[in-house]
Amino acid sequence: MTFAAGLLSLIAGIWLGDRLPDIDQHTSLLVHRSVITHGPLVPFLLFLVSSSRKSVPVRLFVMGLCAAFAVHLGFDLFPKAWTGFALIHIPEYGWTSPLASGTWIALSGFACVYMALRLVRNGLEGTVLAVGLAGSFLYAATDEDAMWRPLLAVTTATIAALVLAIRRRPKRGRRL
């Protein structure tokens, strides 16, 4: 695999991950901020597929998608007010409370970063993920009013996910 193919895969994942959570606005099947599109379900399904494959472009695509999902959710964590379409909607249940919505969005962002980190196989991929995460944030920030609180949320989720991912890695020479 060439570096260019891997980079294009990552960029495609970031592009899709930035847009996919809001696909619920373009369908009559889901309400905006549906628990299905504003949670880790889609990234998790793609994570399962990519972690069972050796294809580097597929892993980089899913890493980019997970990173952009986390960034999108980081911005969604700070709406103008926790009312209406800012709340998470669960099909057949309805809108959740502001506390439940904020908690769901924060935990989902953490889960997305964690999955992206679990796909990293070496230092180069880790660097590519870090640059992709930063690039995704800067790209998303161009359309947003707030920047510092989402940056703090994404950074906190990344640090927490990194600590957990490092703790889960087996030590060299030890079997799981």
N, C-alpha and C. Protein backbone atom coordinates (compact mmCIF):
# COMPACT_ATOMS: atom_id res chain seq x y z
N MET A 1 0.83 -1.18 0.00
CA MET A 1 0.00 0.00 0.00
C MET A 1 0.88 1.24 0.00
N THR A 2 0.53 2.17 -0.81
CA THR A 2 1.29 3.41 -0.84
C THR A 2 0.79 4.34 0.25
N PHE A 3 1.65 5.27 0.60
CA PHE A 3 1.27 6.27 1.60
C PHE A 3 0.09 7.09 1.11
N ALA A 4 0.07 7.39 -0.18
CA ALA A 4 -1.02 8.20 -0.76
C ALA A 4 -2.36 7.48 -0.62
N ALA A 5 -2.40 6.17 -0.85
CA ALA A 5 -3.65 5.42 -0.74
C ALA A 5 -4.15 5.42 0.71
N GLY A 6 -3.24 5.24 1.66
CA GLY A 6 -3.61 5.28 3.07
C GLY A 6 -4.12 6.65 3.48
N LEU A 7 -3.45 7.68 3.01
CA LEU A 7 -3.86 9.05 3.33
C LEU A 7 -5.23 9.36 2.74
N LEU A 8 -5.45 8.94 1.50
CA LEU A 8 -6.77 9.15 0.89
C LEU A 8 -7.86 8.40 1.64
N SER A 9 -7.56 7.20 2.11
CA SER A 9 -8.52 6.43 2.90
C SER A 9 -8.87 7.16 4.19
N LEU A 10 -7.86 7.67 4.86
CA LEU A 10 -8.08 8.42 6.10
C LEU A 10 -8.93 9.66 5.85
N ILE A 11 -8.61 10.41 4.80
CA ILE A 11 -9.35 11.63 4.47
C ILE A 11 -10.80 11.29 4.12
N ALA A 12 -11.01 10.21 3.38
CA ALA A 12 -12.38 9.79 3.04
C ALA A 12 -13.15 9.43 4.30
N GLY A 13 -12.49 8.76 5.23
CA GLY A 13 -13.13 8.43 6.51
C GLY A 13 -13.49 9.66 7.31
N ILE A 14 -12.59 10.64 7.32
CA ILE A 14 -12.86 11.90 8.03
C ILE A 14 -14.03 12.62 7.37
N TRP A 15 -14.02 12.67 6.06
CA TRP A 15 -15.10 13.35 5.34
C TRP A 15 -16.45 12.72 5.68
N LEU A 16 -16.52 11.39 5.62
CA LEU A 16 -17.78 10.69 5.91
C LEU A 16 -18.15 10.81 7.39
N GLY A 17 -17.17 10.66 8.26
CA GLY A 17 -17.43 10.75 9.70
C GLY A 17 -17.93 12.11 10.13
N ASP A 18 -17.54 13.15 9.42
CA ASP A 18 -18.02 14.50 9.72
C ASP A 18 -19.49 14.65 9.35
N ARG A 19 -19.92 13.98 8.29
CA ARG A 19 -21.27 14.14 7.76
C ARG A 19 -22.28 13.10 8.25
N LEU A 20 -21.81 11.91 8.54
CA LEU A 20 -22.70 10.80 8.86
C LEU A 20 -23.62 11.05 10.06
N PRO A 21 -23.15 11.66 11.15
CA PRO A 21 -24.07 11.86 12.27
C PRO A 21 -25.31 12.69 11.90
N ASP A 22 -25.18 13.61 10.98
CA ASP A 22 -26.32 14.46 10.61
C ASP A 22 -27.13 13.92 9.43
N ILE A 23 -26.87 12.68 9.04
CA ILE A 23 -27.66 12.10 7.95
C ILE A 23 -29.12 11.95 8.38
N ASP A 24 -29.34 11.92 9.69
CA ASP A 24 -30.71 11.82 10.19
C ASP A 24 -31.57 13.03 9.79
N GLN A 25 -30.95 14.13 9.43
CA GLN A 25 -31.68 15.32 8.99
C GLN A 25 -32.20 15.17 7.56
N HIS A 26 -31.68 14.19 6.85
CA HIS A 26 -32.03 14.01 5.44
C HIS A 26 -32.85 12.76 5.19
N THR A 27 -33.47 12.23 6.24
CA THR A 27 -34.30 11.04 6.09
C THR A 27 -35.56 11.20 6.94
N SER A 28 -36.60 10.59 6.51
CA SER A 28 -37.84 10.65 7.30
C SER A 28 -37.89 9.50 8.31
N LEU A 29 -36.90 8.64 8.29
CA LEU A 29 -36.89 7.50 9.21
C LEU A 29 -36.43 7.86 10.61
N LEU A 30 -35.56 8.88 10.71
CA LEU A 30 -34.98 9.24 12.00
C LEU A 30 -35.19 10.73 12.27
N VAL A 31 -35.21 11.08 13.53
CA VAL A 31 -35.27 12.47 13.96
C VAL A 31 -33.84 12.94 14.21
N HIS A 32 -33.60 14.24 14.03
CA HIS A 32 -32.25 14.76 14.25
C HIS A 32 -31.77 14.47 15.66
N ARG A 33 -30.52 14.16 15.75
CA ARG A 33 -29.84 13.73 16.96
C ARG A 33 -30.40 12.40 17.45
N SER A 34 -30.67 11.54 16.50
CA SER A 34 -31.11 10.19 16.83
C SER A 34 -29.98 9.46 17.56
N VAL A 35 -30.33 8.64 18.50
CA VAL A 35 -29.36 7.84 19.23
C VAL A 35 -28.59 6.93 18.26
N ILE A 36 -29.20 6.61 17.14
CA ILE A 36 -28.57 5.74 16.14
C ILE A 36 -27.44 6.45 15.41
N THR A 37 -27.65 7.71 15.04
CA THR A 37 -26.62 8.44 14.29
C THR A 37 -25.70 9.27 15.17
N HIS A 38 -26.12 9.58 16.38
CA HIS A 38 -25.30 10.38 17.29
C HIS A 38 -24.80 9.52 18.44
N GLY A 39 -24.28 8.39 18.08
CA GLY A 39 -23.72 7.45 19.04
C GLY A 39 -22.69 6.58 18.34
N PRO A 40 -22.13 5.64 19.05
CA PRO A 40 -21.04 4.83 18.49
C PRO A 40 -21.47 3.62 17.67
N LEU A 41 -22.76 3.49 17.36
CA LEU A 41 -23.23 2.28 16.66
C LEU A 41 -22.57 2.08 15.30
N VAL A 42 -22.66 3.07 14.42
CA VAL A 42 -22.07 2.94 13.08
C VAL A 42 -20.54 2.79 13.17
N PRO A 43 -19.85 3.64 13.95
CA PRO A 43 -18.40 3.43 14.07
C PRO A 43 -18.05 2.04 14.63
N PHE A 44 -18.86 1.56 15.58
CA PHE A 44 -18.57 0.25 16.16
C PHE A 44 -18.71 -0.87 15.14
N LEU A 45 -19.75 -0.82 14.33
CA LEU A 45 -19.93 -1.84 13.30
C LEU A 45 -18.76 -1.82 12.31
N LEU A 46 -18.34 -0.64 11.91
CA LEU A 46 -17.20 -0.53 11.00
C LEU A 46 -15.90 -0.94 11.68
N PHE A 47 -15.77 -0.65 12.96
CA PHE A 47 -14.62 -1.07 13.75
C PHE A 47 -14.52 -2.59 13.75
N LEU A 48 -15.65 -3.27 13.97
CA LEU A 48 -15.65 -4.73 13.97
C LEU A 48 -15.18 -5.29 12.64
N VAL A 49 -15.66 -4.69 11.56
CA VAL A 49 -15.26 -5.15 10.22
C VAL A 49 -13.78 -4.90 10.00
N SER A 50 -13.31 -3.70 10.32
CA SER A 50 -11.92 -3.34 10.01
C SER A 50 -10.92 -4.04 10.92
N SER A 51 -11.30 -4.32 12.17
CA SER A 51 -10.33 -4.95 13.07
C SER A 51 -10.13 -6.42 12.73
N SER A 52 -11.03 -7.00 11.95
CA SER A 52 -10.86 -8.40 11.56
C SER A 52 -10.17 -8.52 10.20
N ARG A 53 -9.80 -7.39 9.60
CA ARG A 53 -9.14 -7.40 8.30
C ARG A 53 -7.71 -6.86 8.44
N LYS A 54 -6.86 -7.29 7.53
CA LYS A 54 -5.48 -6.80 7.55
C LYS A 54 -5.28 -5.59 6.65
N SER A 55 -6.31 -5.19 5.95
CA SER A 55 -6.23 -4.09 4.99
C SER A 55 -5.95 -2.76 5.70
N VAL A 56 -4.80 -2.19 5.42
CA VAL A 56 -4.43 -0.91 6.02
C VAL A 56 -5.36 0.21 5.56
N PRO A 57 -5.69 0.31 4.26
CA PRO A 57 -6.61 1.40 3.86
C PRO A 57 -7.97 1.32 4.56
N VAL A 58 -8.48 0.12 4.80
CA VAL A 58 -9.76 -0.02 5.49
C VAL A 58 -9.62 0.46 6.94
N ARG A 59 -8.55 0.05 7.61
CA ARG A 59 -8.33 0.50 8.99
C ARG A 59 -8.18 2.01 9.06
N LEU A 60 -7.43 2.60 8.13
CA LEU A 60 -7.24 4.06 8.15
C LEU A 60 -8.55 4.78 7.85
N PHE A 61 -9.36 4.22 6.97
CA PHE A 61 -10.67 4.80 6.69
C PHE A 61 -11.51 4.83 7.96
N VAL A 62 -11.56 3.70 8.66
CA VAL A 62 -12.37 3.62 9.88
C VAL A 62 -11.76 4.48 10.99
N MET A 63 -10.44 4.56 11.08
CA MET A 63 -9.81 5.45 12.06
C MET A 63 -10.25 6.89 11.80
N GLY A 64 -10.21 7.32 10.55
CA GLY A 64 -10.63 8.68 10.20
C GLY A 64 -12.09 8.91 10.50
N LEU A 65 -12.94 7.93 10.18
CA LEU A 65 -14.36 8.05 10.45
C LEU A 65 -14.62 8.17 11.95
N CYS A 66 -13.99 7.32 12.74
CA CYS A 66 -14.16 7.38 14.20
C CYS A 66 -13.68 8.71 14.76
N ALA A 67 -12.54 9.19 14.28
CA ALA A 67 -12.01 10.47 14.76
C ALA A 67 -12.97 11.61 14.43
N ALA A 68 -13.46 11.65 13.21
CA ALA A 68 -14.38 12.72 12.81
C ALA A 68 -15.71 12.62 13.55
N PHE A 69 -16.17 11.41 13.80
CA PHE A 69 -17.39 11.21 14.60
C PHE A 69 -17.19 11.83 15.98
N ALA A 70 -16.04 11.54 16.60
CA ALA A 70 -15.76 12.07 17.94
C ALA A 70 -15.72 13.60 17.91
N VAL A 71 -15.13 14.16 16.89
CA VAL A 71 -15.07 15.62 16.76
C VAL A 71 -16.49 16.19 16.59
N HIS A 72 -17.27 15.57 15.72
CA HIS A 72 -18.65 16.03 15.51
C HIS A 72 -19.41 16.02 16.84
N LEU A 73 -19.28 14.94 17.58
CA LEU A 73 -19.96 14.83 18.86
C LEU A 73 -19.41 15.83 19.88
N GLY A 74 -18.11 16.14 19.79
CA GLY A 74 -17.53 17.15 20.67
C GLY A 74 -18.18 18.51 20.48
N PHE A 75 -18.48 18.85 19.24
CA PHE A 75 -19.19 20.11 18.98
C PHE A 75 -20.66 20.01 19.40
N ASP A 76 -21.28 18.85 19.18
CA ASP A 76 -22.69 18.66 19.56
C ASP A 76 -22.89 18.69 21.08
N LEU A 77 -21.82 18.51 21.82
CA LEU A 77 -21.91 18.51 23.28
C LEU A 77 -22.21 19.91 23.83
N PHE A 78 -22.08 20.93 22.99
CA PHE A 78 -22.26 22.31 23.45
C PHE A 78 -23.27 23.06 22.58
N PRO A 79 -24.55 22.67 22.66
CA PRO A 79 -25.56 23.38 21.88
C PRO A 79 -25.86 24.74 22.52
N LYS A 80 -26.60 25.56 21.82
CA LYS A 80 -27.00 26.86 22.38
C LYS A 80 -27.89 26.65 23.60
N ALA A 81 -28.72 25.62 23.58
CA ALA A 81 -29.57 25.26 24.72
C ALA A 81 -29.90 23.77 24.62
N TRP A 82 -30.06 23.12 25.76
CA TRP A 82 -30.39 21.70 25.78
C TRP A 82 -31.90 21.53 25.69
N THR A 83 -32.44 21.90 24.55
CA THR A 83 -33.86 21.74 24.29
C THR A 83 -34.05 21.27 22.85
N GLY A 84 -35.24 20.77 22.55
CA GLY A 84 -35.60 20.40 21.18
C GLY A 84 -34.60 19.47 20.53
N PHE A 85 -34.13 19.87 19.35
CA PHE A 85 -33.25 19.02 18.54
C PHE A 85 -31.82 18.92 19.06
N ALA A 86 -31.52 19.60 20.17
CA ALA A 86 -30.21 19.43 20.80
C ALA A 86 -30.17 18.15 21.63
N LEU A 87 -31.35 17.64 21.97
CA LEU A 87 -31.45 16.44 22.79
C LEU A 87 -31.35 15.18 21.94
N ILE A 88 -30.89 14.12 22.54
CA ILE A 88 -30.84 12.82 21.86
C ILE A 88 -32.25 12.26 21.77
N HIS A 89 -32.57 11.72 20.60
CA HIS A 89 -33.88 11.13 20.38
C HIS A 89 -33.73 9.62 20.23
N ILE A 90 -34.54 8.90 20.98
CA ILE A 90 -34.55 7.43 20.90
C ILE A 90 -35.85 7.02 20.22
N PRO A 91 -35.75 6.30 19.09
CA PRO A 91 -36.98 5.85 18.41
C PRO A 91 -37.88 5.08 19.38
N GLU A 92 -39.16 5.29 19.27
CA GLU A 92 -40.19 4.64 20.10
C GLU A 92 -40.17 5.10 21.56
N TYR A 93 -39.24 5.96 21.94
CA TYR A 93 -39.18 6.48 23.31
C TYR A 93 -39.40 7.98 23.31
N GLY A 94 -38.63 8.66 22.48
CA GLY A 94 -38.72 10.12 22.41
C GLY A 94 -37.43 10.78 22.83
N TRP A 95 -37.54 12.04 23.22
CA TRP A 95 -36.37 12.83 23.59
C TRP A 95 -35.89 12.45 24.99
N THR A 96 -34.59 12.42 25.17
CA THR A 96 -34.02 12.15 26.49
C THR A 96 -33.83 13.48 27.22
N SER A 97 -33.51 13.40 28.48
CA SER A 97 -33.28 14.60 29.28
C SER A 97 -31.96 15.25 28.87
N PRO A 98 -31.76 16.52 29.23
CA PRO A 98 -30.47 17.16 28.94
C PRO A 98 -29.29 16.40 29.54
N LEU A 99 -29.43 15.91 30.75
CA LEU A 99 -28.33 15.15 31.39
C LEU A 99 -28.04 13.86 30.63
N ALA A 100 -29.09 13.13 30.28
CA ALA A 100 -28.90 11.88 29.54
C ALA A 100 -28.31 12.16 28.16
N SER A 101 -28.78 13.21 27.50
CA SER A 101 -28.27 13.56 26.18
C SER A 101 -26.79 13.93 26.23
N GLY A 102 -26.43 14.79 27.17
CA GLY A 102 -25.02 15.19 27.31
C GLY A 102 -24.12 14.03 27.65
N THR A 103 -24.61 13.18 28.55
CA THR A 103 -23.82 11.99 28.94
C THR A 103 -23.64 11.05 27.75
N TRP A 104 -24.72 10.82 26.99
CA TRP A 104 -24.64 9.94 25.83
C TRP A 104 -23.65 10.48 24.79
N ILE A 105 -23.72 11.77 24.52
CA ILE A 105 -22.84 12.37 23.52
C ILE A 105 -21.39 12.29 23.98
N ALA A 106 -21.13 12.61 25.25
CA ALA A 106 -19.76 12.57 25.77
C ALA A 106 -19.19 11.15 25.73
N LEU A 107 -19.96 10.18 26.21
CA LEU A 107 -19.49 8.79 26.21
C LEU A 107 -19.32 8.25 24.79
N SER A 108 -20.19 8.67 23.89
CA SER A 108 -20.08 8.24 22.49
C SER A 108 -18.82 8.81 21.85
N GLY A 109 -18.51 10.06 22.14
CA GLY A 109 -17.27 10.66 21.62
C GLY A 109 -16.05 9.92 22.13
N PHE A 110 -16.05 9.60 23.42
CA PHE A 110 -14.96 8.83 24.02
C PHE A 110 -14.83 7.46 23.33
N ALA A 111 -15.96 6.78 23.13
CA ALA A 111 -15.94 5.46 22.49
C ALA A 111 -15.38 5.53 21.08
N CYS A 112 -15.72 6.58 20.35
CA CYS A 112 -15.22 6.71 18.98
C CYS A 112 -13.71 6.92 18.95
N VAL A 113 -13.21 7.76 19.85
CA VAL A 113 -11.75 7.96 19.90
C VAL A 113 -11.06 6.67 20.32
N TYR A 114 -11.64 5.97 21.29
CA TYR A 114 -11.06 4.72 21.75
C TYR A 114 -10.96 3.69 20.62
N MET A 115 -12.03 3.57 19.84
CA MET A 115 -12.00 2.62 18.71
C MET A 115 -10.92 3.01 17.71
N ALA A 116 -10.81 4.31 17.43
CA ALA A 116 -9.77 4.77 16.49
C ALA A 116 -8.39 4.39 17.02
N LEU A 117 -8.17 4.59 18.30
CA LEU A 117 -6.86 4.27 18.89
C LEU A 117 -6.58 2.76 18.86
N ARG A 118 -7.61 1.96 19.05
CA ARG A 118 -7.42 0.51 19.03
C ARG A 118 -7.04 -0.01 17.64
N LEU A 119 -7.31 0.78 16.60
CA LEU A 119 -6.95 0.36 15.24
C LEU A 119 -5.50 0.70 14.89
N VAL A 120 -4.86 1.52 15.70
CA VAL A 120 -3.48 1.93 15.43
C VAL A 120 -2.55 0.74 15.64
N ARG A 121 -1.67 0.51 14.66
CA ARG A 121 -0.75 -0.63 14.73
C ARG A 121 0.71 -0.24 14.94
N ASN A 122 1.04 1.03 14.67
CA ASN A 122 2.44 1.45 14.82
C ASN A 122 2.50 2.97 15.02
N GLY A 123 3.69 3.46 15.22
CA GLY A 123 3.88 4.89 15.48
C GLY A 123 3.46 5.78 14.34
N LEU A 124 3.69 5.35 13.10
CA LEU A 124 3.28 6.15 11.95
C LEU A 124 1.76 6.28 11.91
N GLU A 125 1.06 5.18 12.12
CA GLU A 125 -0.40 5.23 12.13
C GLU A 125 -0.91 6.08 13.29
N GLY A 126 -0.23 6.03 14.43
CA GLY A 126 -0.61 6.87 15.56
C GLY A 126 -0.45 8.35 15.23
N THR A 127 0.63 8.67 14.55
CA THR A 127 0.87 10.06 14.13
C THR A 127 -0.17 10.49 13.11
N VAL A 128 -0.47 9.61 12.15
CA VAL A 128 -1.48 9.91 11.14
C VAL A 128 -2.84 10.13 11.81
N LEU A 129 -3.18 9.32 12.80
CA LEU A 129 -4.44 9.50 13.52
C LEU A 129 -4.46 10.84 14.25
N ALA A 130 -3.37 11.18 14.92
CA ALA A 130 -3.32 12.46 15.64
C ALA A 130 -3.49 13.64 14.69
N VAL A 131 -2.81 13.59 13.55
CA VAL A 131 -2.95 14.66 12.55
C VAL A 131 -4.36 14.67 11.98
N GLY A 132 -4.92 13.49 11.74
CA GLY A 132 -6.29 13.40 11.23
C GLY A 132 -7.30 13.94 12.22
N LEU A 133 -7.11 13.65 13.48
CA LEU A 133 -8.01 14.15 14.53
C LEU A 133 -7.93 15.67 14.60
N ALA A 134 -6.72 16.21 14.58
CA ALA A 134 -6.55 17.66 14.61
C ALA A 134 -7.11 18.32 13.35
N GLY A 135 -6.84 17.70 12.21
CA GLY A 135 -7.36 18.25 10.95
C GLY A 135 -8.87 18.21 10.90
N SER A 136 -9.45 17.12 11.40
CA SER A 136 -10.90 17.01 11.46
C SER A 136 -11.49 18.09 12.35
N PHE A 137 -10.85 18.34 13.47
CA PHE A 137 -11.32 19.39 14.38
C PHE A 137 -11.26 20.76 13.71
N LEU A 138 -10.14 21.08 13.09
CA LEU A 138 -9.99 22.38 12.44
C LEU A 138 -11.00 22.56 11.30
N TYR A 139 -11.24 21.48 10.56
CA TYR A 139 -12.22 21.54 9.48
C TYR A 139 -13.62 21.78 10.03
N ALA A 140 -13.99 21.05 11.07
CA ALA A 140 -15.32 21.20 11.67
C ALA A 140 -15.48 22.57 12.32
N ALA A 141 -14.42 23.12 12.87
CA ALA A 141 -14.48 24.40 13.57
C ALA A 141 -14.81 25.56 12.64
N THR A 142 -14.57 25.38 11.33
CA THR A 142 -14.86 26.48 10.40
C THR A 142 -16.35 26.78 10.30
N ASP A 143 -17.20 25.80 10.62
CA ASP A 143 -18.65 25.98 10.55
C ASP A 143 -19.30 26.19 11.92
N GLU A 144 -18.52 26.33 12.96
CA GLU A 144 -19.05 26.40 14.32
C GLU A 144 -18.73 27.75 14.96
N ASP A 145 -19.58 28.14 15.91
CA ASP A 145 -19.35 29.38 16.65
C ASP A 145 -18.37 29.16 17.79
N ALA A 146 -18.54 28.07 18.50
CA ALA A 146 -17.70 27.77 19.67
C ALA A 146 -16.52 26.90 19.25
N MET A 147 -15.41 27.06 19.94
CA MET A 147 -14.26 26.22 19.62
C MET A 147 -13.60 25.67 20.88
N TRP A 148 -13.47 26.46 21.94
CA TRP A 148 -12.66 26.05 23.07
C TRP A 148 -13.27 24.93 23.89
N ARG A 149 -14.57 24.99 24.14
CA ARG A 149 -15.19 23.91 24.91
C ARG A 149 -15.19 22.60 24.13
N PRO A 150 -15.55 22.60 22.83
CA PRO A 150 -15.42 21.35 22.07
C PRO A 150 -13.98 20.84 22.01
N LEU A 151 -13.02 21.76 21.90
CA LEU A 151 -11.61 21.34 21.89
C LEU A 151 -11.25 20.66 23.20
N LEU A 152 -11.71 21.22 24.32
CA LEU A 152 -11.46 20.61 25.62
C LEU A 152 -12.14 19.25 25.73
N ALA A 153 -13.37 19.14 25.22
CA ALA A 153 -14.10 17.87 25.27
C ALA A 153 -13.39 16.79 24.45
N VAL A 154 -12.98 17.12 23.23
CA VAL A 154 -12.30 16.15 22.37
C VAL A 154 -10.93 15.78 22.94
N THR A 155 -10.23 16.76 23.47
CA THR A 155 -8.92 16.50 24.08
C THR A 155 -9.06 15.60 25.30
N THR A 156 -10.04 15.87 26.15
CA THR A 156 -10.28 15.05 27.34
C THR A 156 -10.65 13.63 26.94
N ALA A 157 -11.53 13.48 25.96
CA ALA A 157 -11.92 12.14 25.49
C ALA A 157 -10.71 11.41 24.92
N THR A 158 -9.87 12.12 24.20
CA THR A 158 -8.68 11.50 23.60
C THR A 158 -7.70 11.04 24.66
N ILE A 159 -7.46 11.88 25.66
CA ILE A 159 -6.53 11.50 26.73
C ILE A 159 -7.07 10.30 27.50
N ALA A 160 -8.37 10.33 27.84
CA ALA A 160 -8.96 9.20 28.57
C ALA A 160 -8.91 7.92 27.73
N ALA A 161 -9.22 8.03 26.46
CA ALA A 161 -9.19 6.85 25.58
C ALA A 161 -7.76 6.34 25.41
N LEU A 162 -6.81 7.25 25.32
CA LEU A 162 -5.41 6.87 25.19
C LEU A 162 -4.92 6.11 26.43
N VAL A 163 -5.29 6.61 27.60
CA VAL A 163 -4.91 5.92 28.84
C VAL A 163 -5.50 4.52 28.87
N LEU A 164 -6.77 4.40 28.53
CA LEU A 164 -7.42 3.09 28.52
C LEU A 164 -6.81 2.17 27.46
N ALA A 165 -6.55 2.70 26.29
CA ALA A 165 -5.98 1.88 25.21
C ALA A 165 -4.58 1.39 25.58
N ILE A 166 -3.78 2.23 26.21
CA ILE A 166 -2.43 1.84 26.60
C ILE A 166 -2.49 0.77 27.70
N ARG A 167 -3.40 0.92 28.64
CA ARG A 167 -3.53 -0.05 29.72
C ARG A 167 -3.99 -1.41 29.21
N ARG A 168 -4.75 -1.43 28.12
CA ARG A 168 -5.28 -2.68 27.56
C ARG A 168 -4.27 -3.40 26.68
N ARG A 169 -3.24 -2.72 26.23
CA ARG A 169 -2.25 -3.37 25.36
C ARG A 169 -1.46 -4.39 26.16
N PRO A 170 -1.28 -5.59 25.60
CA PRO A 170 -0.49 -6.59 26.32
C PRO A 170 0.98 -6.17 26.35
N LYS A 171 1.63 -6.54 27.45
CA LYS A 171 3.07 -6.25 27.55
C LYS A 171 3.81 -7.19 26.63
N ARG A 172 4.93 -6.72 26.12
CA ARG A 172 5.72 -7.54 25.20
C ARG A 172 6.14 -8.84 25.88
N GLY A 173 5.96 -9.92 25.14
CA GLY A 173 6.37 -11.21 25.66
C GLY A 173 5.30 -11.92 26.46
N ARG A 174 4.22 -11.20 26.79
CA ARG A 174 3.11 -11.80 27.54
C ARG A 174 1.96 -12.10 26.62
N ARG A 175 1.32 -13.20 26.84
CA ARG A 175 0.13 -13.52 26.06
C ARG A 175 -1.09 -13.05 26.81
N LEU A 176 -2.14 -12.79 26.03
CA LEU A 176 -3.42 -12.38 26.65
C LEU A 176 -4.11 -13.52 27.34
